[in-house]
Amino acid sequence: AGFVLESGLVPGKLDDVWGHIHPMNFKFWKAVAQVSKVEGENSLLGQYTLAFADHTVKTVRVTEMSERIPNKRSLGFEFISSEPPLGYSSRMDQITLSQVTHSTNGKSMVYVEYSSDFSNDAGMDAVQDSKYKKVDFLNDLAKFTAENCPQ
């Protein structure tokens, strides 16, 4: 099994940054061309189809969403299908946001963790690819929040 976790700081207040994560539209992420909610399916939190700029299409099911803990928000989802097919049988992702309570420059910052837990049949190439995509995700999110979230 493989596990990848990338983390970073992005400018903004927790609820503003969360407002760009939890709708699952990923408008800030350059790798994503389009996202649509799957209509007619009956999972509690919804399924989404993510069309990526590299022409892969992945369907994910949201498995958890939490705003329970003050200063923390989280979103979990599992991969349901992919075109072209994935080279492994399962993957669970989690994005966790935490408000930074002290910054040296006095600006609001959010600590973001994005992790993936792969099934035992995932190869190192899939795990490494996921790592690089998470770095791009964090860079794109930080650039977007710097321009679109009050600090």
C-alpha atoms as a PDB file:
ATOM      1  CA  ALA A   1       0.000   0.000   0.000  1.00  0.00           C
ATOM      2  CA  GLY A   2       1.133   3.530  -0.641  1.00  0.00           C
ATOM      3  CA  PHE A   3       0.429   6.665   1.283  1.00  0.00           C
ATOM      4  CA  VAL A   4       1.133  10.227   0.140  1.00  0.00           C
ATOM      5  CA  LEU A   5       0.736  13.388   2.177  1.00  0.00           C
ATOM      6  CA  GLU A   6       1.648  16.854   1.005  1.00  0.00           C
ATOM      7  CA  SER A   7       1.045  19.987   3.044  1.00  0.00           C
ATOM      8  CA  GLY A   8       1.450  23.716   2.740  1.00  0.00           C
ATOM      9  CA  LEU A   9       0.350  27.140   3.901  1.00  0.00           C
ATOM     10  CA  VAL A  10      -2.095  29.174   1.847  1.00  0.00           C
ATOM     11  CA  PRO A  11      -3.172  32.772   2.465  1.00  0.00           C
ATOM     12  CA  GLY A  12      -6.679  33.443   3.740  1.00  0.00           C
ATOM     13  CA  LYS A  13      -9.152  32.723   6.500  1.00  0.00           C
ATOM     14  CA  LEU A  14     -10.314  29.162   7.136  1.00  0.00           C
ATOM     15  CA  ASP A  15     -13.936  29.590   6.049  1.00  0.00           C
ATOM     16  CA  ASP A  16     -12.963  31.479   2.888  1.00  0.00           C
ATOM     17  CA  VAL A  17     -10.479  28.784   1.818  1.00  0.00           C
ATOM     18  CA  TRP A  18     -12.960  26.046   2.823  1.00  0.00           C
ATOM     19  CA  GLY A  19     -15.503  27.735   0.558  1.00  0.00           C
ATOM     20  CA  HIS A  20     -13.273  26.876  -2.415  1.00  0.00           C
ATOM     21  CA  ILE A  21     -12.720  23.231  -1.330  1.00  0.00           C
ATOM     22  CA  HIS A  22     -15.988  21.776  -0.051  1.00  0.00           C
ATOM     23  CA  PRO A  23     -18.166  22.492  -3.121  1.00  0.00           C
ATOM     24  CA  MET A  24     -15.865  20.017  -4.959  1.00  0.00           C
ATOM     25  CA  ASN A  25     -15.561  22.263  -8.040  1.00  0.00           C
ATOM     26  CA  PHE A  26     -11.778  22.830  -7.718  1.00  0.00           C
ATOM     27  CA  LYS A  27     -11.988  25.986  -9.874  1.00  0.00           C
ATOM     28  CA  PHE A  28      -8.541  27.039  -8.648  1.00  0.00           C
ATOM     29  CA  TRP A  29      -6.783  23.813  -9.738  1.00  0.00           C
ATOM     30  CA  LYS A  30      -5.282  24.197 -13.217  1.00  0.00           C
ATOM     31  CA  ALA A  31      -5.185  20.403 -13.691  1.00  0.00           C
ATOM     32  CA  VAL A  32      -9.004  20.211 -13.575  1.00  0.00           C
ATOM     33  CA  ALA A  33     -10.893  21.240 -16.700  1.00  0.00           C
ATOM     34  CA  GLN A  34     -14.445  20.636 -15.412  1.00  0.00           C
ATOM     35  CA  VAL A  35     -16.333  19.122 -12.469  1.00  0.00           C
ATOM     36  CA  SER A  36     -19.939  17.989 -12.440  1.00  0.00           C
ATOM     37  CA  LYS A  37     -22.107  16.483  -9.731  1.00  0.00           C
ATOM     38  CA  VAL A  38     -23.443  13.058 -10.684  1.00  0.00           C
ATOM     39  CA  GLU A  39     -27.230  13.369 -10.812  1.00  0.00           C
ATOM     40  CA  GLY A  40     -29.556  10.595  -9.705  1.00  0.00           C
ATOM     41  CA  GLU A  41     -27.142   8.699  -7.491  1.00  0.00           C
ATOM     42  CA  ASN A  42     -28.164   8.379  -3.859  1.00  0.00           C
ATOM     43  CA  SER A  43     -25.009   8.650  -1.746  1.00  0.00           C
ATOM     44  CA  LEU A  44     -25.438  10.982   1.186  1.00  0.00           C
ATOM     45  CA  LEU A  45     -22.730  13.531   0.279  1.00  0.00           C
ATOM     46  CA  GLY A  46     -22.667  13.109  -3.489  1.00  0.00           C
ATOM     47  CA  GLN A  47     -20.550  11.839  -6.333  1.00  0.00           C
ATOM     48  CA  TYR A  48     -18.594  14.068  -8.690  1.00  0.00           C
ATOM     49  CA  THR A  49     -17.013  13.569 -12.090  1.00  0.00           C
ATOM     50  CA  LEU A  50     -13.687  15.368 -12.469  1.00  0.00           C
ATOM     51  CA  ALA A  51     -12.440  15.939 -16.023  1.00  0.00           C
ATOM     52  CA  PHE A  52      -8.738  16.711 -15.960  1.00  0.00           C
ATOM     53  CA  ALA A  53      -6.760  18.743 -18.476  1.00  0.00           C
ATOM     54  CA  ASP A  54      -4.799  15.584 -19.426  1.00  0.00           C
ATOM     55  CA  HIS A  55      -8.115  14.057 -20.650  1.00  0.00           C
ATOM     56  CA  THR A  56      -8.543  11.608 -17.767  1.00  0.00           C
ATOM     57  CA  VAL A  57     -11.975  11.514 -16.169  1.00  0.00           C
ATOM     58  CA  LYS A  58     -12.372  10.319 -12.593  1.00  0.00           C
ATOM     59  CA  THR A  59     -15.529   9.808 -10.561  1.00  0.00           C
ATOM     60  CA  VAL A  60     -15.272  10.241  -6.800  1.00  0.00           C
ATOM     61  CA  ARG A  61     -17.734   9.742  -3.968  1.00  0.00           C
ATOM     62  CA  VAL A  62     -17.547  12.096  -1.002  1.00  0.00           C
ATOM     63  CA  THR A  63     -17.321   9.921   2.120  1.00  0.00           C
ATOM     64  CA  GLU A  64     -16.973  12.558   4.816  1.00  0.00           C
ATOM     65  CA  MET A  65     -17.187  16.278   5.377  1.00  0.00           C
ATOM     66  CA  SER A  66     -16.515  17.820   8.764  1.00  0.00           C
ATOM     67  CA  GLU A  67     -16.802  21.287  10.258  1.00  0.00           C
ATOM     68  CA  ARG A  68     -17.162  19.914  13.802  1.00  0.00           C
ATOM     69  CA  ILE A  69     -13.827  21.003  15.262  1.00  0.00           C
ATOM     70  CA  PRO A  70     -13.213  24.758  15.620  1.00  0.00           C
ATOM     71  CA  ASN A  71     -10.384  25.978  13.369  1.00  0.00           C
ATOM     72  CA  LYS A  72     -10.447  22.730  11.324  1.00  0.00           C
ATOM     73  CA  ARG A  73     -12.321  21.498   8.238  1.00  0.00           C
ATOM     74  CA  SER A  74     -11.976  18.213   6.369  1.00  0.00           C
ATOM     75  CA  LEU A  75     -13.240  16.478   3.270  1.00  0.00           C
ATOM     76  CA  GLY A  76     -12.775  12.808   2.384  1.00  0.00           C
ATOM     77  CA  PHE A  77     -13.522  11.064  -0.889  1.00  0.00           C
ATOM     78  CA  GLU A  78     -12.920   7.739  -2.607  1.00  0.00           C
ATOM     79  CA  PHE A  79     -12.261   7.057  -6.268  1.00  0.00           C
ATOM     80  CA  ILE A  80     -15.136   5.132  -7.861  1.00  0.00           C
ATOM     81  CA  SER A  81     -14.038   4.954 -11.509  1.00  0.00           C
ATOM     82  CA  SER A  82     -11.550   6.337 -13.988  1.00  0.00           C
ATOM     83  CA  GLU A  83     -11.180   6.635 -17.735  1.00  0.00           C
ATOM     84  CA  PRO A  84      -8.604   5.460 -18.607  1.00  0.00           C
ATOM     85  CA  PRO A  85      -8.760   2.859 -15.795  1.00  0.00           C
ATOM     86  CA  LEU A  86      -6.570   3.282 -12.718  1.00  0.00           C
ATOM     87  CA  GLY A  87      -3.693   0.866 -12.201  1.00  0.00           C
ATOM     88  CA  TYR A  88      -4.892  -0.004  -8.676  1.00  0.00           C
ATOM     89  CA  SER A  89      -8.119  -1.136  -7.032  1.00  0.00           C
ATOM     90  CA  SER A  90      -8.807   1.659  -4.532  1.00  0.00           C
ATOM     91  CA  ARG A  91      -7.752   5.062  -3.250  1.00  0.00           C
ATOM     92  CA  MET A  92      -9.083   7.230  -0.427  1.00  0.00           C
ATOM     93  CA  ASP A  93      -8.198  10.942  -0.340  1.00  0.00           C
ATOM     94  CA  GLN A  94      -8.505  13.461   2.456  1.00  0.00           C
ATOM     95  CA  ILE A  95      -8.081  17.234   2.433  1.00  0.00           C
ATOM     96  CA  THR A  96      -7.762  18.839   5.867  1.00  0.00           C
ATOM     97  CA  LEU A  97      -7.642  22.584   6.532  1.00  0.00           C
ATOM     98  CA  SER A  98      -6.527  24.177   9.816  1.00  0.00           C
ATOM     99  CA  GLN A  99      -6.528  27.891  10.618  1.00  0.00           C
ATOM    100  CA  VAL A 100      -3.037  29.075  11.553  1.00  0.00           C
ATOM    101  CA  THR A 101      -3.457  30.908  14.852  1.00  0.00           C
ATOM    102  CA  HIS A 102      -0.169  32.847  14.746  1.00  0.00           C
ATOM    103  CA  SER A 103       1.786  34.194  11.807  1.00  0.00           C
ATOM    104  CA  THR A 104       4.818  36.433  12.005  1.00  0.00           C
ATOM    105  CA  ASN A 105       3.447  38.855   9.409  1.00  0.00           C
ATOM    106  CA  GLY A 106      -0.014  39.129  11.004  1.00  0.00           C
ATOM    107  CA  LYS A 107      -1.799  37.821   7.893  1.00  0.00           C
ATOM    108  CA  SER A 108      -4.343  34.993   8.014  1.00  0.00           C
ATOM    109  CA  MET A 109      -2.993  31.654   6.813  1.00  0.00           C
ATOM    110  CA  VAL A 110      -4.477  28.171   6.487  1.00  0.00           C
ATOM    111  CA  TYR A 111      -2.472  24.950   6.834  1.00  0.00           C
ATOM    112  CA  VAL A 112      -3.624  22.466   4.178  1.00  0.00           C
ATOM    113  CA  GLU A 113      -2.922  18.724   4.151  1.00  0.00           C
ATOM    114  CA  TYR A 114      -3.862  16.593   1.153  1.00  0.00           C
ATOM    115  CA  SER A 115      -3.343  12.849   1.539  1.00  0.00           C
ATOM    116  CA  SER A 116      -4.047   9.689  -0.457  1.00  0.00           C
ATOM    117  CA  ASP A 117      -4.161   6.142   0.857  1.00  0.00           C
ATOM    118  CA  PHE A 118      -3.725   3.587  -1.930  1.00  0.00           C
ATOM    119  CA  SER A 119      -4.605  -0.118  -2.056  1.00  0.00           C
ATOM    120  CA  ASN A 120      -1.795  -2.716  -1.928  1.00  0.00           C
ATOM    121  CA  ASP A 121      -1.756  -3.116  -5.709  1.00  0.00           C
ATOM    122  CA  ALA A 122      -0.778   0.517  -6.407  1.00  0.00           C
ATOM    123  CA  GLY A 123       2.607   0.922  -8.064  1.00  0.00           C
ATOM    124  CA  MET A 124       5.210   3.495  -7.086  1.00  0.00           C
ATOM    125  CA  ASP A 125       4.549   5.399 -10.317  1.00  0.00           C
ATOM    126  CA  ALA A 126       0.925   6.045  -9.242  1.00  0.00           C
ATOM    127  CA  VAL A 127       2.033   7.082  -5.766  1.00  0.00           C
ATOM    128  CA  GLN A 128       4.712   9.458  -7.121  1.00  0.00           C
ATOM    129  CA  ASP A 129       2.285  10.935  -9.675  1.00  0.00           C
ATOM    130  CA  SER A 130      -0.146  11.621  -6.839  1.00  0.00           C
ATOM    131  CA  LYS A 131       2.603  13.394  -4.886  1.00  0.00           C
ATOM    132  CA  TYR A 132       3.390  15.759  -7.782  1.00  0.00           C
ATOM    133  CA  LYS A 133      -0.299  16.465  -8.419  1.00  0.00           C
ATOM    134  CA  LYS A 134      -0.763  17.384  -4.752  1.00  0.00           C
ATOM    135  CA  VAL A 135       2.132  19.856  -4.967  1.00  0.00           C
ATOM    136  CA  ASP A 136       0.445  21.442  -8.016  1.00  0.00           C
ATOM    137  CA  PHE A 137      -2.888  21.463  -6.117  1.00  0.00           C
ATOM    138  CA  LEU A 138      -1.292  23.313  -3.167  1.00  0.00           C
ATOM    139  CA  ASN A 139       0.554  25.793  -5.416  1.00  0.00           C
ATOM    140  CA  ASP A 140      -2.601  26.546  -7.421  1.00  0.00           C
ATOM    141  CA  LEU A 141      -4.691  26.895  -4.240  1.00  0.00           C
ATOM    142  CA  ALA A 142      -2.157  29.283  -2.649  1.00  0.00           C
ATOM    143  CA  LYS A 143      -2.022  31.475  -5.772  1.00  0.00           C
ATOM    144  CA  PHE A 144      -5.829  31.505  -6.020  1.00  0.00           C
ATOM    145  CA  THR A 145      -6.451  32.304  -2.332  1.00  0.00           C
ATOM    146  CA  ALA A 146      -3.813  35.071  -2.395  1.00  0.00           C
ATOM    147  CA  GLU A 147      -5.865  36.753  -5.119  1.00  0.00           C
ATOM    148  CA  ASN A 148      -9.405  35.833  -3.998  1.00  0.00           C
ATOM    149  CA  CYS A 149      -9.532  35.487  -0.199  1.00  0.00           C
ATOM    150  CA  PRO A 150      -9.332  38.422   2.230  1.00  0.00           C
ATOM    151  CA  GLN A 151      -6.448  38.229   4.651  1.00  0.00           C
END
